[in-house]
Amino acid sequence: MVDEYIRKQDAVDAVDAATQDSTENRTHSFRAGQARSASRIKALPAADVVPVVRCRDCKHLVGTFRGKLYCRHNCGIVGPKENDFCSRGERKE
């Protein structure tokens, strides 16, 4: 299963938006809990992720050869699929 990564600010905004509907019913302790939640989200370490270039968007993918996709990079993937990626991918211009 692939993990999904979110921006910290999006998570904080979601916590804030969850309480916008019932402003009259918010208690002091609820608002304090909301502030603690937002602080904890902001304190989380960033995920160690990098953007990837899928083969379908890579400039090294030149078409098909004998019915298979073909990567022209000298260290490229042999018989890549459109959703594959490698560390040598460069986005088409």
Protein backbone atom coordinates (compact mmCIF):
# COMPACT_ATOMS: atom_id res chain seq x y z
CA MET A 1 0.00 0.00 0.00
CA VAL A 2 1.34 3.40 -0.95
CA ASP A 3 1.41 6.04 1.80
CA GLU A 4 -0.03 9.42 1.01
CA TYR A 5 1.88 12.50 2.12
CA ILE A 6 0.21 15.78 3.04
CA ARG A 7 1.52 19.23 3.74
CA LYS A 8 1.54 20.22 7.41
CA GLN A 9 -0.44 23.38 6.71
CA ASP A 10 -3.18 21.34 4.99
CA ALA A 11 -3.54 19.22 8.15
CA VAL A 12 -3.69 22.32 10.36
CA ASP A 13 -6.29 23.84 8.04
CA ALA A 14 -8.34 20.63 8.28
CA VAL A 15 -8.30 20.82 12.10
CA ASP A 16 -9.40 24.45 11.92
CA ALA A 17 -12.12 23.75 9.35
CA ALA A 18 -13.56 20.91 11.44
CA THR A 19 -14.57 23.41 14.11
CA GLN A 20 -15.93 26.19 11.90
CA ASP A 21 -19.45 24.71 11.74
CA SER A 22 -20.27 24.96 15.45
CA THR A 23 -18.73 28.17 16.78
CA GLU A 24 -21.34 28.58 19.55
CA ASN A 25 -20.65 25.15 21.01
CA ARG A 26 -16.88 25.52 21.25
CA THR A 27 -15.60 25.46 24.78
CA HIS A 28 -12.32 26.81 26.06
CA SER A 29 -10.94 23.27 26.52
CA PHE A 30 -11.97 22.35 22.97
CA ARG A 31 -10.17 25.38 21.53
CA ALA A 32 -7.10 24.55 23.63
CA GLY A 33 -7.15 20.98 22.29
CA GLN A 34 -7.42 22.32 18.76
CA ALA A 35 -4.41 24.56 19.33
CA ARG A 36 -2.40 21.63 20.77
CA SER A 37 -3.32 19.48 17.77
CA ALA A 38 -2.17 22.16 15.34
CA SER A 39 1.09 22.61 17.29
CA ARG A 40 1.79 18.88 17.24
CA ILE A 41 1.15 18.68 13.50
CA LYS A 42 3.54 21.57 12.90
CA ALA A 43 6.20 19.83 15.03
CA LEU A 44 6.10 16.61 13.00
CA PRO A 45 9.22 15.92 10.91
CA ALA A 46 8.89 16.32 7.19
CA ALA A 47 8.58 13.15 5.14
CA ASP A 48 11.72 12.22 3.23
CA VAL A 49 10.25 12.31 -0.27
CA VAL A 50 11.39 13.54 -3.65
CA PRO A 51 9.36 14.17 -6.79
CA VAL A 52 9.67 11.50 -9.45
CA VAL A 53 9.28 11.63 -13.20
CA ARG A 54 7.15 8.76 -14.51
CA CYS A 55 8.34 7.12 -17.70
CA ARG A 56 5.32 8.48 -19.60
CA ASP A 57 6.56 12.03 -18.82
CA CYS A 58 10.29 11.38 -19.28
CA LYS A 59 12.33 12.76 -22.15
CA HIS A 60 14.30 9.49 -22.37
CA LEU A 61 11.22 7.46 -23.35
CA VAL A 62 11.35 7.46 -27.13
CA GLY A 63 8.52 5.16 -28.14
CA THR A 64 8.13 1.48 -28.78
CA PHE A 65 10.44 -1.22 -30.07
CA ARG A 66 8.95 -4.62 -30.87
CA GLY A 67 5.76 -3.70 -29.04
CA LYS A 68 7.46 -2.52 -25.83
CA LEU A 69 8.28 0.94 -24.58
CA TYR A 70 11.91 1.91 -25.04
CA CYS A 71 14.14 4.07 -22.85
CA ARG A 72 17.15 5.54 -24.62
CA HIS A 73 19.14 6.40 -21.47
CA ASN A 74 22.23 4.17 -21.30
CA CYS A 75 21.30 3.12 -17.72
CA GLY A 76 17.54 3.24 -18.27
CA ILE A 77 14.90 0.65 -17.51
CA VAL A 78 14.57 -2.26 -19.94
CA GLY A 79 10.97 -2.53 -21.14
CA PRO A 80 9.52 0.18 -18.88
CA LYS A 81 5.80 0.61 -18.31
CA GLU A 82 4.20 4.08 -18.42
CA ASN A 83 3.93 4.35 -14.61
CA ASP A 84 7.50 3.16 -13.93
CA PHE A 85 10.20 5.59 -12.85
CA CYS A 86 13.93 5.60 -12.16
CA SER A 87 16.50 7.92 -10.63
CA ARG A 88 17.56 9.16 -14.08
CA GLY A 89 14.17 10.48 -15.18
CA GLU A 90 14.01 13.98 -16.64
CA ARG A 91 10.72 15.67 -17.41
CA LYS A 92 9.89 16.38 -21.07
CA GLU A 93 9.85 20.07 -21.92
